[in-house]
């Protein structure tokens, strides 16, 4: 069986498990897709991944801007995937969002700036979920999402309250920042995302229809 390795730089441990689940699901009898996380790094002792965030992703891109191609070659990888949730566009690239550009465009621009390029480097792909990878998880559930005007939402990347909708479906939650704030989606322990990954892949065809960025990632897995 041939192996195709994809290097991953992402926001955190939960995202690693989602990417791993997708790669495993889209593997077949001829080709095994493998995710190797460069950042966050795997801790062999605990079996988990270190803490990370969008700032760490941007810092990694700046630190390794001249080494991306070398890393891909050294690891024998097909390509490198750089993931960042677009709900942080305002913090990451405020000048861009002020000009009215989309959150995805602003995150893409910031990543390219840190990598010292005008576009994605060769064999490097930005994966920028709107609002976050939890949107993909929500999209895998077979229900009709309605807008505030009670219109059916077919493009789940338009949804901004993804986590509240997941809580309504029965996902774990925790207290809000104060007693009057709504409960928040609970991502801990991060290893629960192994189970969430199985939920996503169990209804992947539907989720791909609803999320263009997920479709983009799956296309890369299937055709790179």
C-alpha atoms as a PDB file:
ATOM      1  CA  UNK A   1       0.000   0.000   0.000  1.00  0.00           C
ATOM      2  CA  UNK A   2       1.330   3.409  -0.946  1.00  0.00           C
ATOM      3  CA  UNK A   3       1.466   6.119   1.710  1.00  0.00           C
ATOM      4  CA  UNK A   4       0.782   9.795   1.104  1.00  0.00           C
ATOM      5  CA  UNK A   5       1.947  12.084   3.883  1.00  0.00           C
ATOM      6  CA  UNK A   6       0.418  15.496   4.519  1.00  0.00           C
ATOM      7  CA  UNK A   7       2.216  17.842   6.894  1.00  0.00           C
ATOM      8  CA  UNK A   8      -0.088  19.873   9.135  1.00  0.00           C
ATOM      9  CA  UNK A   9       0.274  23.190  10.927  1.00  0.00           C
ATOM     10  CA  UNK A  10      -2.940  23.994  12.778  1.00  0.00           C
ATOM     11  CA  UNK A  11      -4.500  25.834  15.681  1.00  0.00           C
ATOM     12  CA  UNK A  12      -4.675  22.980  18.141  1.00  0.00           C
ATOM     13  CA  UNK A  13      -5.043  19.386  19.188  1.00  0.00           C
ATOM     14  CA  UNK A  14      -8.753  19.232  18.379  1.00  0.00           C
ATOM     15  CA  UNK A  15      -8.035  20.154  14.755  1.00  0.00           C
ATOM     16  CA  UNK A  16      -5.362  17.461  14.484  1.00  0.00           C
ATOM     17  CA  UNK A  17      -7.917  14.782  15.361  1.00  0.00           C
ATOM     18  CA  UNK A  18     -10.380  16.106  12.765  1.00  0.00           C
ATOM     19  CA  UNK A  19      -7.734  16.070  10.023  1.00  0.00           C
ATOM     20  CA  UNK A  20      -6.623  12.583  11.048  1.00  0.00           C
ATOM     21  CA  UNK A  21     -10.193  11.282  10.925  1.00  0.00           C
ATOM     22  CA  UNK A  22     -10.704  12.700   7.428  1.00  0.00           C
ATOM     23  CA  UNK A  23      -7.407  11.273   6.175  1.00  0.00           C
ATOM     24  CA  UNK A  24      -8.204   7.827   7.573  1.00  0.00           C
ATOM     25  CA  UNK A  25     -11.696   7.880   6.099  1.00  0.00           C
ATOM     26  CA  UNK A  26     -10.499   8.899   2.638  1.00  0.00           C
ATOM     27  CA  UNK A  27      -7.736   6.308   2.559  1.00  0.00           C
ATOM     28  CA  UNK A  28      -8.393   3.182   0.501  1.00  0.00           C
ATOM     29  CA  UNK A  29      -6.918  -0.245  -0.209  1.00  0.00           C
ATOM     30  CA  UNK A  30      -4.292   1.313  -2.481  1.00  0.00           C
ATOM     31  CA  UNK A  31      -3.378   4.513  -0.666  1.00  0.00           C
ATOM     32  CA  UNK A  32      -3.023   5.366   3.008  1.00  0.00           C
ATOM     33  CA  UNK A  33      -3.283   9.070   3.816  1.00  0.00           C
ATOM     34  CA  UNK A  34      -1.209  10.067   6.833  1.00  0.00           C
ATOM     35  CA  UNK A  35      -1.249  13.330   8.793  1.00  0.00           C
ATOM     36  CA  UNK A  36       2.035  14.444  10.365  1.00  0.00           C
ATOM     37  CA  UNK A  37       1.512  17.403  12.675  1.00  0.00           C
ATOM     38  CA  UNK A  38       4.455  19.809  12.718  1.00  0.00           C
ATOM     39  CA  UNK A  39       2.689  22.252  15.013  1.00  0.00           C
ATOM     40  CA  UNK A  40       1.369  21.513  17.525  1.00  0.00           C
ATOM     41  CA  UNK A  41       3.846  18.714  18.097  1.00  0.00           C
ATOM     42  CA  UNK A  42       2.929  15.297  19.415  1.00  0.00           C
ATOM     43  CA  UNK A  43       4.078  14.458  22.923  1.00  0.00           C
ATOM     44  CA  UNK A  44       5.134  10.818  22.904  1.00  0.00           C
ATOM     45  CA  UNK A  45       4.856  10.580  26.698  1.00  0.00           C
ATOM     46  CA  UNK A  46       1.285  11.817  27.083  1.00  0.00           C
ATOM     47  CA  UNK A  47       0.117  10.828  23.612  1.00  0.00           C
ATOM     48  CA  UNK A  48      -1.417  14.277  23.165  1.00  0.00           C
ATOM     49  CA  UNK A  49      -0.475  17.521  21.435  1.00  0.00           C
ATOM     50  CA  UNK A  50       0.794  20.765  22.942  1.00  0.00           C
ATOM     51  CA  UNK A  51      -1.337  23.882  23.229  1.00  0.00           C
ATOM     52  CA  UNK A  52      -1.523  26.072  20.147  1.00  0.00           C
ATOM     53  CA  UNK A  53      -3.567  28.910  18.694  1.00  0.00           C
ATOM     54  CA  UNK A  54      -3.831  31.182  15.697  1.00  0.00           C
ATOM     55  CA  UNK A  55      -0.944  33.317  16.984  1.00  0.00           C
ATOM     56  CA  UNK A  56       1.238  30.224  17.160  1.00  0.00           C
ATOM     57  CA  UNK A  57       0.283  29.331  13.577  1.00  0.00           C
ATOM     58  CA  UNK A  58       1.291  32.797  12.386  1.00  0.00           C
ATOM     59  CA  UNK A  59       4.531  32.685  14.387  1.00  0.00           C
ATOM     60  CA  UNK A  60       5.357  29.273  12.934  1.00  0.00           C
ATOM     61  CA  UNK A  61       4.845  30.589   9.410  1.00  0.00           C
ATOM     62  CA  UNK A  62       7.190  33.492  10.092  1.00  0.00           C
ATOM     63  CA  UNK A  63       9.846  31.278  11.661  1.00  0.00           C
ATOM     64  CA  UNK A  64       9.771  28.658   8.882  1.00  0.00           C
ATOM     65  CA  UNK A  65       8.972  30.863   5.894  1.00  0.00           C
ATOM     66  CA  UNK A  66      12.178  29.845   4.123  1.00  0.00           C
ATOM     67  CA  UNK A  67      11.968  26.167   5.069  1.00  0.00           C
ATOM     68  CA  UNK A  68       8.518  25.078   3.880  1.00  0.00           C
ATOM     69  CA  UNK A  69       9.719  23.340   0.721  1.00  0.00           C
ATOM     70  CA  UNK A  70      12.639  21.765   2.571  1.00  0.00           C
ATOM     71  CA  UNK A  71      10.296  20.332   5.215  1.00  0.00           C
ATOM     72  CA  UNK A  72       7.973  18.870   2.579  1.00  0.00           C
ATOM     73  CA  UNK A  73      10.913  17.230   0.799  1.00  0.00           C
ATOM     74  CA  UNK A  74      12.601  16.051   4.008  1.00  0.00           C
ATOM     75  CA  UNK A  75       9.422  14.385   5.300  1.00  0.00           C
ATOM     76  CA  UNK A  76       8.660  12.860   1.888  1.00  0.00           C
ATOM     77  CA  UNK A  77       5.276  14.575   1.986  1.00  0.00           C
ATOM     78  CA  UNK A  78       2.819  15.361  -0.766  1.00  0.00           C
ATOM     79  CA  UNK A  79       2.104  18.815   0.586  1.00  0.00           C
ATOM     80  CA  UNK A  80       1.706  20.987   3.669  1.00  0.00           C
ATOM     81  CA  UNK A  81      -1.682  22.027   5.066  1.00  0.00           C
ATOM     82  CA  UNK A  82      -1.902  25.209   7.151  1.00  0.00           C
ATOM     83  CA  UNK A  83      -5.159  25.531   9.073  1.00  0.00           C
ATOM     84  CA  UNK A  84      -6.514  28.602  10.804  1.00  0.00           C
ATOM     85  CA  UNK A  85     -10.109  29.307  11.825  1.00  0.00           C
ATOM     86  CA  UNK A  86     -11.435  32.489  10.254  1.00  0.00           C
ATOM     87  CA  UNK A  87     -13.355  33.629  13.329  1.00  0.00           C
ATOM     88  CA  UNK A  88     -10.121  35.362  14.394  1.00  0.00           C
ATOM     89  CA  UNK A  89      -9.774  37.453  11.218  1.00  0.00           C
ATOM     90  CA  UNK A  90     -10.410  40.711  13.073  1.00  0.00           C
ATOM     91  CA  UNK A  91      -7.623  40.021  15.572  1.00  0.00           C
ATOM     92  CA  UNK A  92      -5.199  38.587  13.026  1.00  0.00           C
ATOM     93  CA  UNK A  93      -5.637  41.167  10.257  1.00  0.00           C
ATOM     94  CA  UNK A  94      -7.747  44.137  11.426  1.00  0.00           C
ATOM     95  CA  UNK A  95      -6.769  46.463   8.561  1.00  0.00           C
ATOM     96  CA  UNK A  96      -8.063  43.928   6.051  1.00  0.00           C
ATOM     97  CA  UNK A  97     -11.404  43.351   7.765  1.00  0.00           C
ATOM     98  CA  UNK A  98     -11.907  47.121   8.159  1.00  0.00           C
ATOM     99  CA  UNK A  99     -11.673  47.404   4.381  1.00  0.00           C
ATOM    100  CA  UNK A 100     -14.622  45.023   4.074  1.00  0.00           C
ATOM    101  CA  UNK A 101     -12.819  41.936   2.830  1.00  0.00           C
ATOM    102  CA  UNK A 102     -14.080  38.485   3.803  1.00  0.00           C
ATOM    103  CA  UNK A 103     -12.698  36.766   6.881  1.00  0.00           C
ATOM    104  CA  UNK A 104     -11.187  34.036   4.712  1.00  0.00           C
ATOM    105  CA  UNK A 105      -9.462  36.557   2.452  1.00  0.00           C
ATOM    106  CA  UNK A 106      -7.994  38.384   5.451  1.00  0.00           C
ATOM    107  CA  UNK A 107      -6.653  35.183   7.025  1.00  0.00           C
ATOM    108  CA  UNK A 108      -5.200  34.083   3.703  1.00  0.00           C
ATOM    109  CA  UNK A 109      -3.529  37.480   3.284  1.00  0.00           C
ATOM    110  CA  UNK A 110      -2.021  37.293   6.783  1.00  0.00           C
ATOM    111  CA  UNK A 111      -0.644  33.791   6.255  1.00  0.00           C
ATOM    112  CA  UNK A 112       0.938  34.802   2.948  1.00  0.00           C
ATOM    113  CA  UNK A 113       2.447  37.875   4.588  1.00  0.00           C
ATOM    114  CA  UNK A 114       4.054  35.743   7.304  1.00  0.00           C
ATOM    115  CA  UNK A 115       5.324  33.270   4.718  1.00  0.00           C
ATOM    116  CA  UNK A 116       6.759  36.089   2.636  1.00  0.00           C
ATOM    117  CA  UNK A 117       4.734  35.323  -0.473  1.00  0.00           C
ATOM    118  CA  UNK A 118       1.879  36.800  -2.473  1.00  0.00           C
ATOM    119  CA  UNK A 119       0.005  33.485  -2.589  1.00  0.00           C
ATOM    120  CA  UNK A 120       0.138  29.936  -1.280  1.00  0.00           C
ATOM    121  CA  UNK A 121       3.685  28.592  -1.590  1.00  0.00           C
ATOM    122  CA  UNK A 122       4.161  25.592  -3.913  1.00  0.00           C
ATOM    123  CA  UNK A 123       2.744  22.364  -2.431  1.00  0.00           C
ATOM    124  CA  UNK A 124       1.279  24.358   0.441  1.00  0.00           C
ATOM    125  CA  UNK A 125      -2.461  24.763   0.983  1.00  0.00           C
ATOM    126  CA  UNK A 126      -4.329  27.048   3.359  1.00  0.00           C
ATOM    127  CA  UNK A 127      -7.323  25.424   5.039  1.00  0.00           C
ATOM    128  CA  UNK A 128      -9.464  28.220   6.465  1.00  0.00           C
ATOM    129  CA  UNK A 129     -12.766  26.983   7.906  1.00  0.00           C
ATOM    130  CA  UNK A 130     -15.555  29.517   8.361  1.00  0.00           C
ATOM    131  CA  UNK A 131     -16.057  30.053  11.286  1.00  0.00           C
ATOM    132  CA  UNK A 132     -14.104  27.053  12.601  1.00  0.00           C
ATOM    133  CA  UNK A 133     -13.746  23.304  12.153  1.00  0.00           C
ATOM    134  CA  UNK A 134     -16.793  22.853  14.402  1.00  0.00           C
ATOM    135  CA  UNK A 135     -18.808  24.135  11.437  1.00  0.00           C
ATOM    136  CA  UNK A 136     -17.887  20.923   9.621  1.00  0.00           C
ATOM    137  CA  UNK A 137     -19.064  18.884  12.595  1.00  0.00           C
ATOM    138  CA  UNK A 138     -22.383  20.710  12.686  1.00  0.00           C
ATOM    139  CA  UNK A 139     -22.818  20.205   8.935  1.00  0.00           C
ATOM    140  CA  UNK A 140     -22.515  16.434   9.349  1.00  0.00           C
ATOM    141  CA  UNK A 141     -25.753  16.288  11.317  1.00  0.00           C
ATOM    142  CA  UNK A 142     -28.817  15.547   9.226  1.00  0.00           C
ATOM    143  CA  UNK A 143     -31.148  18.408  10.133  1.00  0.00           C
ATOM    144  CA  UNK A 144     -32.363  21.582   8.451  1.00  0.00           C
ATOM    145  CA  UNK A 145     -30.583  24.661   9.771  1.00  0.00           C
ATOM    146  CA  UNK A 146     -32.744  27.775   9.700  1.00  0.00           C
ATOM    147  CA  UNK A 147     -31.706  31.420   9.595  1.00  0.00           C
ATOM    148  CA  UNK A 148     -33.238  34.100  11.826  1.00  0.00           C
ATOM    149  CA  UNK A 149     -35.779  34.631   9.034  1.00  0.00           C
ATOM    150  CA  UNK A 150     -36.598  30.904   9.135  1.00  0.00           C
ATOM    151  CA  UNK A 151     -35.018  30.290   5.739  1.00  0.00           C
ATOM    152  CA  UNK A 152     -33.183  27.006   5.205  1.00  0.00           C
ATOM    153  CA  UNK A 153     -29.400  27.475   5.254  1.00  0.00           C
ATOM    154  CA  UNK A 154     -27.639  25.358   2.628  1.00  0.00           C
ATOM    155  CA  UNK A 155     -24.216  26.995   3.054  1.00  0.00           C
ATOM    156  CA  UNK A 156     -23.203  26.266   6.632  1.00  0.00           C
ATOM    157  CA  UNK A 157     -20.249  28.650   6.363  1.00  0.00           C
ATOM    158  CA  UNK A 158     -22.822  31.434   6.751  1.00  0.00           C
ATOM    159  CA  UNK A 159     -23.602  30.244  10.277  1.00  0.00           C
ATOM    160  CA  UNK A 160     -21.953  32.320  13.009  1.00  0.00           C
ATOM    161  CA  UNK A 161     -23.369  30.573  16.112  1.00  0.00           C
ATOM    162  CA  UNK A 162     -22.017  27.113  15.308  1.00  0.00           C
ATOM    163  CA  UNK A 163     -21.105  26.212  18.868  1.00  0.00           C
ATOM    164  CA  UNK A 164     -24.502  27.195  20.289  1.00  0.00           C
ATOM    165  CA  UNK A 165     -26.187  25.025  17.677  1.00  0.00           C
ATOM    166  CA  UNK A 166     -23.950  22.088  18.622  1.00  0.00           C
ATOM    167  CA  UNK A 167     -24.854  22.561  22.287  1.00  0.00           C
ATOM    168  CA  UNK A 168     -28.515  22.474  21.309  1.00  0.00           C
ATOM    169  CA  UNK A 169     -27.828  19.108  19.651  1.00  0.00           C
ATOM    170  CA  UNK A 170     -26.503  17.764  22.940  1.00  0.00           C
ATOM    171  CA  UNK A 171     -22.770  18.455  22.793  1.00  0.00           C
ATOM    172  CA  UNK A 172     -20.892  19.198  26.018  1.00  0.00           C
ATOM    173  CA  UNK A 173     -20.993  22.773  27.288  1.00  0.00           C
ATOM    174  CA  UNK A 174     -19.543  24.842  30.105  1.00  0.00           C
ATOM    175  CA  UNK A 175     -20.491  28.033  31.928  1.00  0.00           C
ATOM    176  CA  UNK A 176     -20.225  31.340  30.082  1.00  0.00           C
ATOM    177  CA  UNK A 177     -17.820  34.124  31.012  1.00  0.00           C
ATOM    178  CA  UNK A 178     -20.391  35.455  33.484  1.00  0.00           C
ATOM    179  CA  UNK A 179     -23.705  34.333  34.966  1.00  0.00           C
ATOM    180  CA  UNK A 180     -25.732  36.097  32.274  1.00  0.00           C
ATOM    181  CA  UNK A 181     -23.696  34.809  29.345  1.00  0.00           C
ATOM    182  CA  UNK A 182     -24.850  31.750  27.370  1.00  0.00           C
ATOM    183  CA  UNK A 183     -23.138  28.447  27.964  1.00  0.00           C
ATOM    184  CA  UNK A 184     -20.051  27.824  25.846  1.00  0.00           C
ATOM    185  CA  UNK A 185     -18.993  24.816  23.796  1.00  0.00           C
ATOM    186  CA  UNK A 186     -16.655  22.604  25.816  1.00  0.00           C
ATOM    187  CA  UNK A 187     -13.657  21.352  23.813  1.00  0.00           C
ATOM    188  CA  UNK A 188     -12.106  19.516  26.755  1.00  0.00           C
ATOM    189  CA  UNK A 189     -10.812  16.931  26.827  1.00  0.00           C
ATOM    190  CA  UNK A 190      -9.482  17.428  23.303  1.00  0.00           C
ATOM    191  CA  UNK A 191      -9.436  13.665  22.768  1.00  0.00           C
ATOM    192  CA  UNK A 192     -13.248  13.732  22.473  1.00  0.00           C
ATOM    193  CA  UNK A 193     -12.593  15.094  18.978  1.00  0.00           C
ATOM    194  CA  UNK A 194     -11.582  11.591  17.944  1.00  0.00           C
ATOM    195  CA  UNK A 195     -15.255  10.748  18.446  1.00  0.00           C
ATOM    196  CA  UNK A 196     -16.320  13.980  16.761  1.00  0.00           C
ATOM    197  CA  UNK A 197     -14.141  13.021  13.805  1.00  0.00           C
ATOM    198  CA  UNK A 198     -16.084   9.769  13.469  1.00  0.00           C
ATOM    199  CA  UNK A 199     -19.341  11.733  13.525  1.00  0.00           C
ATOM    200  CA  UNK A 200     -18.043  13.953  10.725  1.00  0.00           C
ATOM    201  CA  UNK A 201     -16.904  11.089   8.523  1.00  0.00           C
ATOM    202  CA  UNK A 202     -20.123   9.144   9.149  1.00  0.00           C
ATOM    203  CA  UNK A 203     -22.001  11.753   7.124  1.00  0.00           C
ATOM    204  CA  UNK A 204     -19.148  13.303   5.158  1.00  0.00           C
ATOM    205  CA  UNK A 205     -20.968  13.583   1.833  1.00  0.00           C
ATOM    206  CA  UNK A 206     -23.591  15.860   3.401  1.00  0.00           C
ATOM    207  CA  UNK A 207     -21.012  17.955   5.248  1.00  0.00           C
ATOM    208  CA  UNK A 208     -18.986  18.424   2.062  1.00  0.00           C
ATOM    209  CA  UNK A 209     -22.050  19.766   0.279  1.00  0.00           C
ATOM    210  CA  UNK A 210     -22.612  22.303   3.035  1.00  0.00           C
ATOM    211  CA  UNK A 211     -19.017  23.525   3.583  1.00  0.00           C
ATOM    212  CA  UNK A 212     -16.867  24.658   0.658  1.00  0.00           C
ATOM    213  CA  UNK A 213     -13.657  24.611   2.713  1.00  0.00           C
ATOM    214  CA  UNK A 214     -14.241  21.020   3.801  1.00  0.00           C
ATOM    215  CA  UNK A 215     -14.888  20.077   0.174  1.00  0.00           C
ATOM    216  CA  UNK A 216     -11.615  21.796  -0.756  1.00  0.00           C
ATOM    217  CA  UNK A 217      -9.685  19.778   1.843  1.00  0.00           C
ATOM    218  CA  UNK A 218     -11.255  16.469   0.835  1.00  0.00           C
ATOM    219  CA  UNK A 219     -10.505  17.217  -2.818  1.00  0.00           C
ATOM    220  CA  UNK A 220      -6.835  17.723  -1.913  1.00  0.00           C
ATOM    221  CA  UNK A 221      -6.766  14.419  -0.031  1.00  0.00           C
ATOM    222  CA  UNK A 222      -8.361  12.608  -2.969  1.00  0.00           C
ATOM    223  CA  UNK A 223      -6.411  14.194  -5.810  1.00  0.00           C
ATOM    224  CA  UNK A 224      -2.981  15.293  -4.538  1.00  0.00           C
END
